[in-house]
């Protein structure tokens, strides 16, 4: 199968979708492009790709949750997803799983990266209706935070700050048994980075929490 031909067909199909969809539903392209990627990854023929885009379904699906994914997958929005990807590669050792440019070649419609064993989807802001999310940069902050477990939090946290993350809480031992630090990335999203150090019972965590908040009240 000619991979260049597949890519051309996928691009043409994406452009056709954009041309026919209303502005109010443009942002579901983030989801559509993910499914197109799954078909391409599994090596199905171009005719099946066309049928999927046309009919909205995939034939012979064997896994409800695709390989490499967990049940819940965060999807983040950026003004410039390419810059975010470059930061996450340097800060968190992220790997690109797939990347789909916008049909006009400007910016990223949908991308998937992998950090450790977890998947994060992302895309650029789009103008449209209720399905279109705004980035944390546009909103000025984000109610969304991400929690990242790593083998060595001290080294990993230093790497992330060196890459451009802003420390908002230094790495310290926490009362629930983790050693953790908190930072904000250059795009407005918050990350708690941690290494699990102790397995504690709920009673032990409760007692430590009491002591922690009592000490905080004295400051």
Protein backbone atom coordinates (compact mmCIF):
# COMPACT_ATOMS: atom_id res chain seq x y z
CA UNK A 1 0.00 0.00 0.00
CA UNK A 2 1.35 3.41 -0.97
CA UNK A 3 1.71 5.42 2.27
CA UNK A 4 1.90 8.70 0.36
CA UNK A 5 -1.43 7.87 -1.29
CA UNK A 6 -2.98 7.13 2.12
CA UNK A 7 -1.72 10.43 3.49
CA UNK A 8 -3.15 12.30 0.50
CA UNK A 9 -6.50 10.57 0.91
CA UNK A 10 -6.57 11.36 4.62
CA UNK A 11 -5.73 15.02 3.98
CA UNK A 12 -8.38 15.27 1.27
CA UNK A 13 -10.97 13.67 3.52
CA UNK A 14 -10.08 16.04 6.36
CA UNK A 15 -10.43 19.03 4.07
CA UNK A 16 -13.82 17.74 2.87
CA UNK A 17 -15.04 17.42 6.47
CA UNK A 18 -13.95 20.96 7.28
CA UNK A 19 -15.71 22.29 4.22
CA UNK A 20 -19.03 20.63 5.09
CA UNK A 21 -19.19 21.06 8.85
CA UNK A 22 -20.75 24.04 10.56
CA UNK A 23 -18.55 26.31 12.66
CA UNK A 24 -20.45 25.21 15.77
CA UNK A 25 -19.15 21.66 15.43
CA UNK A 26 -15.63 22.26 14.14
CA UNK A 27 -13.95 21.21 17.34
CA UNK A 28 -15.11 17.60 17.18
CA UNK A 29 -12.39 17.27 14.54
CA UNK A 30 -10.02 16.65 17.44
CA UNK A 31 -11.94 13.43 18.08
CA UNK A 32 -12.48 12.53 14.41
CA UNK A 33 -8.79 12.86 13.61
CA UNK A 34 -7.95 10.49 16.46
CA UNK A 35 -10.17 7.78 14.94
CA UNK A 36 -8.63 8.37 11.51
CA UNK A 37 -5.24 7.86 13.14
CA UNK A 38 -6.40 4.54 14.62
CA UNK A 39 -7.42 3.25 11.21
CA UNK A 40 -4.13 4.34 9.68
CA UNK A 41 -2.15 2.80 12.57
CA UNK A 42 -3.84 -0.56 12.17
CA UNK A 43 -3.02 -0.65 8.46
CA UNK A 44 -6.52 -0.83 7.06
CA UNK A 45 -6.95 -0.02 3.39
CA UNK A 46 -7.79 3.41 2.04
CA UNK A 47 -11.29 2.25 1.04
CA UNK A 48 -12.04 1.41 4.68
CA UNK A 49 -10.72 4.81 5.73
CA UNK A 50 -13.16 6.44 3.31
CA UNK A 51 -16.01 4.26 4.54
CA UNK A 52 -15.24 5.15 8.16
CA UNK A 53 -15.24 8.89 7.50
CA UNK A 54 -18.42 8.59 5.44
CA UNK A 55 -20.37 6.26 7.70
CA UNK A 56 -18.95 7.23 11.11
CA UNK A 57 -17.98 3.72 12.13
CA UNK A 58 -15.09 1.27 11.95
CA UNK A 59 -15.38 -2.33 10.87
CA UNK A 60 -14.27 -5.27 12.95
CA UNK A 61 -13.35 -3.31 16.08
CA UNK A 62 -11.87 -5.79 18.53
CA UNK A 63 -10.93 -3.62 21.54
CA UNK A 64 -13.23 -1.21 23.30
CA UNK A 65 -10.20 0.65 24.67
CA UNK A 66 -7.34 0.86 22.11
CA UNK A 67 -3.93 -0.48 23.04
CA UNK A 68 -1.88 2.02 25.03
CA UNK A 69 -4.91 3.98 26.28
CA UNK A 70 -6.52 4.11 29.71
CA UNK A 71 -10.23 4.61 30.31
CA UNK A 72 -9.93 8.41 30.67
CA UNK A 73 -7.68 10.49 28.42
CA UNK A 74 -7.16 14.22 29.08
CA UNK A 75 -7.46 16.52 26.06
CA UNK A 76 -5.76 19.92 26.35
CA UNK A 77 -6.19 23.02 24.19
CA UNK A 78 -3.39 25.43 23.29
CA UNK A 79 -2.83 28.54 21.28
CA UNK A 80 0.16 26.75 19.76
CA UNK A 81 0.22 22.98 20.29
CA UNK A 82 3.58 22.64 18.55
CA UNK A 83 5.25 24.79 21.20
CA UNK A 84 3.54 22.76 23.92
CA UNK A 85 4.77 19.50 22.40
CA UNK A 86 8.35 20.78 22.31
CA UNK A 87 8.12 21.80 25.96
CA UNK A 88 6.66 18.46 27.06
CA UNK A 89 9.39 16.62 25.19
CA UNK A 90 12.08 18.54 27.08
CA UNK A 91 10.32 18.72 30.44
CA UNK A 92 8.56 15.34 30.67
CA UNK A 93 10.31 13.19 28.03
CA UNK A 94 7.09 13.12 26.00
CA UNK A 95 6.90 11.12 22.77
CA UNK A 96 4.70 12.02 19.80
CA UNK A 97 2.18 9.29 18.98
CA UNK A 98 0.41 11.11 16.14
CA UNK A 99 0.08 14.62 14.78
CA UNK A 100 -2.45 16.04 12.31
CA UNK A 101 -1.91 19.58 10.96
CA UNK A 102 -4.88 21.78 10.16
CA UNK A 103 -6.06 21.35 6.56
CA UNK A 104 -4.69 24.81 5.72
CA UNK A 105 -1.27 23.76 7.02
CA UNK A 106 -1.33 26.33 9.83
CA UNK A 107 -1.20 24.90 13.32
CA UNK A 108 -2.23 21.52 14.70
CA UNK A 109 -5.79 20.18 14.53
CA UNK A 110 -5.06 17.16 16.72
CA UNK A 111 -2.02 15.54 18.32
CA UNK A 112 -1.44 12.70 20.75
CA UNK A 113 1.61 12.45 22.99
CA UNK A 114 2.71 9.84 25.49
CA UNK A 115 4.28 10.65 28.86
CA UNK A 116 5.43 7.56 30.70
CA UNK A 117 2.62 5.05 30.18
CA UNK A 118 -0.11 7.66 29.71
CA UNK A 119 -1.68 9.37 26.71
CA UNK A 120 -2.58 13.06 26.39
CA UNK A 121 -4.46 14.49 23.42
CA UNK A 122 -4.27 18.13 22.37
CA UNK A 123 -5.12 20.61 19.66
CA UNK A 124 -5.05 24.30 18.80
CA UNK A 125 -7.87 26.65 19.68
CA UNK A 126 -10.62 26.86 17.06
CA UNK A 127 -13.29 29.47 16.55
CA UNK A 128 -16.74 27.95 16.69
CA UNK A 129 -19.57 26.90 18.94
CA UNK A 130 -20.05 24.97 22.13
CA UNK A 131 -17.64 22.14 21.25
CA UNK A 132 -14.68 24.50 20.97
CA UNK A 133 -12.51 24.76 24.08
CA UNK A 134 -10.34 27.74 24.98
CA UNK A 135 -6.76 27.39 26.10
CA UNK A 136 -5.56 28.14 29.61
CA UNK A 137 -3.59 31.01 28.06
CA UNK A 138 -6.75 32.61 26.69
CA UNK A 139 -8.68 32.05 29.92
CA UNK A 140 -5.80 33.36 32.05
CA UNK A 141 -5.69 30.20 34.16
CA UNK A 142 -6.94 26.62 34.18
CA UNK A 143 -9.16 24.66 36.57
CA UNK A 144 -7.46 21.52 35.28
CA UNK A 145 -4.39 20.03 36.94
CA UNK A 146 -2.38 16.95 36.05
CA UNK A 147 -0.65 14.57 38.48
CA UNK A 148 2.48 12.82 37.23
CA UNK A 149 4.25 9.94 39.00
CA UNK A 150 7.94 9.43 38.17
CA UNK A 151 10.82 7.32 39.47
CA UNK A 152 12.89 10.23 40.81
CA UNK A 153 10.87 13.36 41.49
CA UNK A 154 13.84 15.53 42.44
CA UNK A 155 15.67 14.97 39.15
CA UNK A 156 12.51 15.08 37.05
CA UNK A 157 11.24 18.27 38.68
CA UNK A 158 14.57 20.00 38.11
CA UNK A 159 14.46 18.94 34.44
CA UNK A 160 10.95 20.38 34.04
CA UNK A 161 11.88 23.71 35.64
CA UNK A 162 15.01 23.94 33.48
CA UNK A 163 12.83 23.39 30.40
CA UNK A 164 10.67 26.37 31.33
CA UNK A 165 8.22 25.25 34.01
CA UNK A 166 7.54 27.66 36.90
CA UNK A 167 7.92 26.19 40.37
CA UNK A 168 4.90 26.95 42.56
CA UNK A 169 5.74 24.49 45.35
CA UNK A 170 9.18 22.98 45.95
CA UNK A 171 9.65 19.24 46.13
CA UNK A 172 8.94 18.05 49.67
CA UNK A 173 7.75 14.99 51.58
CA UNK A 174 3.94 14.94 51.76
CA UNK A 175 1.76 13.55 54.56
CA UNK A 176 0.10 10.94 52.29
CA UNK A 177 3.40 9.19 51.53
CA UNK A 178 4.53 10.91 48.34
CA UNK A 179 7.47 13.19 47.76
CA UNK A 180 6.13 15.85 45.42
CA UNK A 181 6.52 19.30 43.90
CA UNK A 182 4.16 21.55 41.96
CA UNK A 183 4.79 23.65 38.86
CA UNK A 184 2.93 25.52 36.16
CA UNK A 185 3.91 24.97 32.55
CA UNK A 186 4.38 27.92 30.12
CA UNK A 187 0.84 27.37 28.77
CA UNK A 188 -1.07 27.77 32.03
CA UNK A 189 -1.57 24.13 33.07
CA UNK A 190 -0.59 22.95 36.56
CA UNK A 191 1.39 19.77 37.22
CA UNK A 192 2.01 17.93 40.49
CA UNK A 193 5.05 15.70 40.04
CA UNK A 194 5.62 12.96 42.60
CA UNK A 195 7.39 9.78 43.61
CA UNK A 196 5.54 7.43 45.96
CA UNK A 197 7.69 6.74 49.01
CA UNK A 198 5.47 5.11 51.65
CA UNK A 199 2.41 2.87 51.71
CA UNK A 200 0.23 4.23 54.53
CA UNK A 201 -3.16 3.32 55.97
CA UNK A 202 -5.99 5.84 55.91
CA UNK A 203 -5.59 6.20 59.68
CA UNK A 204 -1.89 7.03 59.32
CA UNK A 205 -2.62 9.53 56.56
CA UNK A 206 -5.31 11.13 58.73
CA UNK A 207 -2.99 11.54 61.70
CA UNK A 208 -0.25 13.03 59.54
CA UNK A 209 -2.76 15.37 57.90
CA UNK A 210 -3.84 16.66 61.31
CA UNK A 211 -0.25 17.36 62.26
CA UNK A 212 0.43 19.02 58.91
CA UNK A 213 -2.51 21.41 59.03
CA UNK A 214 -1.84 22.19 62.69
CA UNK A 215 1.70 23.22 61.79
CA UNK A 216 0.42 25.31 58.86
CA UNK A 217 -2.01 27.15 61.16
CA UNK A 218 0.88 28.27 63.36
CA UNK A 219 2.70 29.96 60.48
